[in-house]
Amino acid sequence: MSASPAVKGPASYFPTIEKKYGRPVSEWFGVIEGAPFAKHMELVRWLKDEHGLGHGHANALVAYVLARGE
């Protein structure tokens, strides 16, 4: 019986983000992609201020989206 490898990095936050904020992470990706900012910390601050996300959750979402190159 093989276990699935543990999810690491920003994606490890995704189940908690979906549960806490009631939206799938794919929606958050769209929010970030449509944001009026491009720099990592600007996006994190914006998600915190405008959407009420905690710092760690905002940081994880932004890091993931920016790493994808979108």
N, C-alpha and C. Protein backbone atom coordinates (compact mmCIF):
# COMPACT_ATOMS: atom_id res chain seq x y z
N MET A 1 0.86 -1.18 0.00
CA MET A 1 0.00 0.00 0.00
C MET A 1 0.90 1.23 0.00
N SER A 2 0.80 2.04 -1.04
CA SER A 2 1.65 3.23 -1.12
C SER A 2 0.84 4.47 -0.78
N ALA A 3 1.44 5.29 0.00
CA ALA A 3 0.78 6.55 0.39
C ALA A 3 1.13 7.63 -0.62
N SER A 4 0.22 8.55 -0.80
CA SER A 4 0.49 9.69 -1.68
C SER A 4 1.57 10.55 -1.05
N PRO A 5 2.45 11.10 -1.88
CA PRO A 5 3.47 11.99 -1.30
C PRO A 5 2.81 13.23 -0.69
N ALA A 6 3.38 13.70 0.38
CA ALA A 6 2.84 14.89 1.05
C ALA A 6 2.98 16.10 0.15
N VAL A 7 1.95 16.92 0.13
CA VAL A 7 1.99 18.16 -0.63
C VAL A 7 2.87 19.14 0.13
N LYS A 8 3.78 19.78 -0.58
CA LYS A 8 4.70 20.71 0.05
C LYS A 8 4.57 22.08 -0.62
N GLY A 9 5.18 23.06 0.00
CA GLY A 9 5.20 24.41 -0.56
C GLY A 9 3.85 25.10 -0.43
N PRO A 10 3.64 26.12 -1.26
CA PRO A 10 2.40 26.91 -1.17
C PRO A 10 1.13 26.07 -1.28
N ALA A 11 1.16 25.03 -2.10
CA ALA A 11 -0.04 24.21 -2.31
C ALA A 11 -0.49 23.51 -1.03
N SER A 12 0.39 23.36 -0.07
CA SER A 12 0.00 22.72 1.19
C SER A 12 -1.04 23.55 1.95
N TYR A 13 -1.13 24.82 1.65
CA TYR A 13 -2.10 25.71 2.29
C TYR A 13 -3.49 25.65 1.64
N PHE A 14 -3.58 25.12 0.42
CA PHE A 14 -4.81 25.24 -0.36
C PHE A 14 -6.05 24.65 0.32
N PRO A 15 -6.01 23.46 0.90
CA PRO A 15 -7.22 22.95 1.55
C PRO A 15 -7.73 23.86 2.67
N THR A 16 -6.81 24.40 3.45
CA THR A 16 -7.19 25.30 4.54
C THR A 16 -7.76 26.61 3.99
N ILE A 17 -7.17 27.13 2.93
CA ILE A 17 -7.66 28.37 2.31
C ILE A 17 -9.08 28.16 1.82
N GLU A 18 -9.33 27.06 1.13
CA GLU A 18 -10.67 26.80 0.62
C GLU A 18 -11.68 26.67 1.75
N LYS A 19 -11.31 25.99 2.80
CA LYS A 19 -12.22 25.80 3.93
C LYS A 19 -12.49 27.13 4.65
N LYS A 20 -11.44 27.89 4.90
CA LYS A 20 -11.59 29.12 5.68
C LYS A 20 -12.34 30.22 4.93
N TYR A 21 -12.06 30.37 3.64
CA TYR A 21 -12.63 31.50 2.89
C TYR A 21 -13.78 31.10 1.98
N GLY A 22 -14.08 29.80 1.89
CA GLY A 22 -15.26 29.34 1.16
C GLY A 22 -15.21 29.49 -0.35
N ARG A 23 -14.01 29.61 -0.89
CA ARG A 23 -13.85 29.73 -2.34
C ARG A 23 -12.73 28.80 -2.79
N PRO A 24 -12.90 28.16 -3.94
CA PRO A 24 -11.81 27.31 -4.43
C PRO A 24 -10.58 28.15 -4.78
N VAL A 25 -9.41 27.54 -4.65
CA VAL A 25 -8.19 28.29 -4.94
C VAL A 25 -8.16 28.77 -6.39
N SER A 26 -8.83 28.05 -7.29
CA SER A 26 -8.86 28.49 -8.69
C SER A 26 -9.49 29.88 -8.81
N GLU A 27 -10.48 30.18 -7.97
CA GLU A 27 -11.06 31.53 -7.97
C GLU A 27 -10.05 32.55 -7.47
N TRP A 28 -9.31 32.19 -6.42
CA TRP A 28 -8.29 33.11 -5.91
C TRP A 28 -7.21 33.36 -6.96
N PHE A 29 -6.87 32.32 -7.74
CA PHE A 29 -5.88 32.52 -8.81
C PHE A 29 -6.40 33.58 -9.79
N GLY A 30 -7.67 33.51 -10.14
CA GLY A 30 -8.26 34.49 -11.05
C GLY A 30 -8.26 35.89 -10.45
N VAL A 31 -8.54 35.99 -9.16
CA VAL A 31 -8.50 37.28 -8.47
C VAL A 31 -7.10 37.87 -8.56
N ILE A 32 -6.10 37.05 -8.30
CA ILE A 32 -4.71 37.52 -8.34
C ILE A 32 -4.32 37.92 -9.76
N GLU A 33 -4.70 37.11 -10.73
CA GLU A 33 -4.35 37.40 -12.13
C GLU A 33 -5.00 38.69 -12.62
N GLY A 34 -6.14 39.06 -12.04
CA GLY A 34 -6.82 40.29 -12.43
C GLY A 34 -6.50 41.47 -11.53
N ALA A 35 -5.57 41.29 -10.63
CA ALA A 35 -5.23 42.34 -9.66
C ALA A 35 -4.54 43.53 -10.32
N PRO A 36 -4.68 44.70 -9.70
CA PRO A 36 -4.04 45.90 -10.24
C PRO A 36 -2.55 46.01 -9.88
N PHE A 37 -1.97 44.94 -9.36
CA PHE A 37 -0.57 44.92 -8.95
C PHE A 37 0.13 43.73 -9.56
N ALA A 38 1.46 43.78 -9.61
CA ALA A 38 2.23 42.68 -10.18
C ALA A 38 3.30 42.15 -9.23
N LYS A 39 3.76 42.98 -8.30
CA LYS A 39 4.83 42.56 -7.40
C LYS A 39 4.26 41.71 -6.26
N HIS A 40 5.08 40.75 -5.83
CA HIS A 40 4.64 39.78 -4.82
C HIS A 40 4.04 40.45 -3.58
N MET A 41 4.78 41.31 -2.92
CA MET A 41 4.29 41.88 -1.66
C MET A 41 3.13 42.85 -1.88
N GLU A 42 3.07 43.50 -3.03
CA GLU A 42 1.91 44.34 -3.33
C GLU A 42 0.66 43.48 -3.41
N LEU A 43 0.78 42.33 -4.06
CA LEU A 43 -0.36 41.42 -4.18
C LEU A 43 -0.77 40.85 -2.82
N VAL A 44 0.21 40.48 -2.02
CA VAL A 44 -0.08 39.95 -0.68
C VAL A 44 -0.82 41.00 0.14
N ARG A 45 -0.31 42.21 0.15
CA ARG A 45 -0.93 43.29 0.91
C ARG A 45 -2.36 43.54 0.42
N TRP A 46 -2.55 43.55 -0.88
CA TRP A 46 -3.86 43.78 -1.48
C TRP A 46 -4.85 42.68 -1.08
N LEU A 47 -4.42 41.43 -1.14
CA LEU A 47 -5.30 40.33 -0.73
C LEU A 47 -5.69 40.44 0.74
N LYS A 48 -4.76 40.86 1.55
CA LYS A 48 -5.04 41.04 2.98
C LYS A 48 -6.00 42.19 3.20
N ASP A 49 -5.73 43.33 2.59
CA ASP A 49 -6.53 44.53 2.81
C ASP A 49 -7.90 44.48 2.15
N GLU A 50 -7.96 44.01 0.93
CA GLU A 50 -9.20 44.05 0.15
C GLU A 50 -10.06 42.79 0.28
N HIS A 51 -9.42 41.68 0.61
CA HIS A 51 -10.15 40.41 0.62
C HIS A 51 -10.10 39.70 1.96
N GLY A 52 -9.41 40.26 2.94
CA GLY A 52 -9.42 39.72 4.29
C GLY A 52 -8.63 38.44 4.50
N LEU A 53 -7.72 38.11 3.60
CA LEU A 53 -6.91 36.92 3.78
C LEU A 53 -5.83 37.17 4.82
N GLY A 54 -5.44 36.09 5.50
CA GLY A 54 -4.31 36.17 6.40
C GLY A 54 -3.02 36.23 5.60
N HIS A 55 -1.95 36.68 6.23
CA HIS A 55 -0.68 36.86 5.52
C HIS A 55 -0.17 35.56 4.90
N GLY A 56 -0.16 34.48 5.66
CA GLY A 56 0.36 33.21 5.15
C GLY A 56 -0.45 32.68 3.98
N HIS A 57 -1.76 32.81 4.05
CA HIS A 57 -2.61 32.34 2.96
C HIS A 57 -2.42 33.20 1.71
N ALA A 58 -2.39 34.50 1.88
CA ALA A 58 -2.17 35.40 0.75
C ALA A 58 -0.80 35.13 0.12
N ASN A 59 0.20 34.97 0.95
CA ASN A 59 1.55 34.71 0.47
C ASN A 59 1.62 33.41 -0.32
N ALA A 60 0.98 32.37 0.17
CA ALA A 60 0.99 31.07 -0.52
C ALA A 60 0.33 31.17 -1.89
N LEU A 61 -0.83 31.82 -1.96
CA LEU A 61 -1.53 31.97 -3.24
C LEU A 61 -0.70 32.77 -4.24
N VAL A 62 -0.15 33.88 -3.79
CA VAL A 62 0.65 34.73 -4.68
C VAL A 62 1.90 33.98 -5.15
N ALA A 63 2.59 33.32 -4.24
CA ALA A 63 3.79 32.58 -4.61
C ALA A 63 3.48 31.53 -5.66
N TYR A 64 2.38 30.83 -5.50
CA TYR A 64 1.99 29.79 -6.46
C TYR A 64 1.69 30.38 -7.82
N VAL A 65 0.90 31.43 -7.85
CA VAL A 65 0.53 32.05 -9.13
C VAL A 65 1.76 32.62 -9.83
N LEU A 66 2.59 33.32 -9.11
CA LEU A 66 3.78 33.90 -9.73
C LEU A 66 4.76 32.83 -10.20
N ALA A 67 4.86 31.72 -9.50
CA ALA A 67 5.74 30.64 -9.91
C ALA A 67 5.25 29.97 -11.20
N ARG A 68 3.93 30.01 -11.42
CA ARG A 68 3.37 29.45 -12.66
C ARG A 68 3.65 30.36 -13.84
N GLY A 69 4.03 31.60 -13.57
CA GLY A 69 4.32 32.53 -14.65
C GLY A 69 3.11 33.21 -15.23
N GLU A 70 2.04 33.28 -14.46
CA GLU A 70 0.82 33.93 -14.95
C GLU A 70 0.67 35.30 -14.37
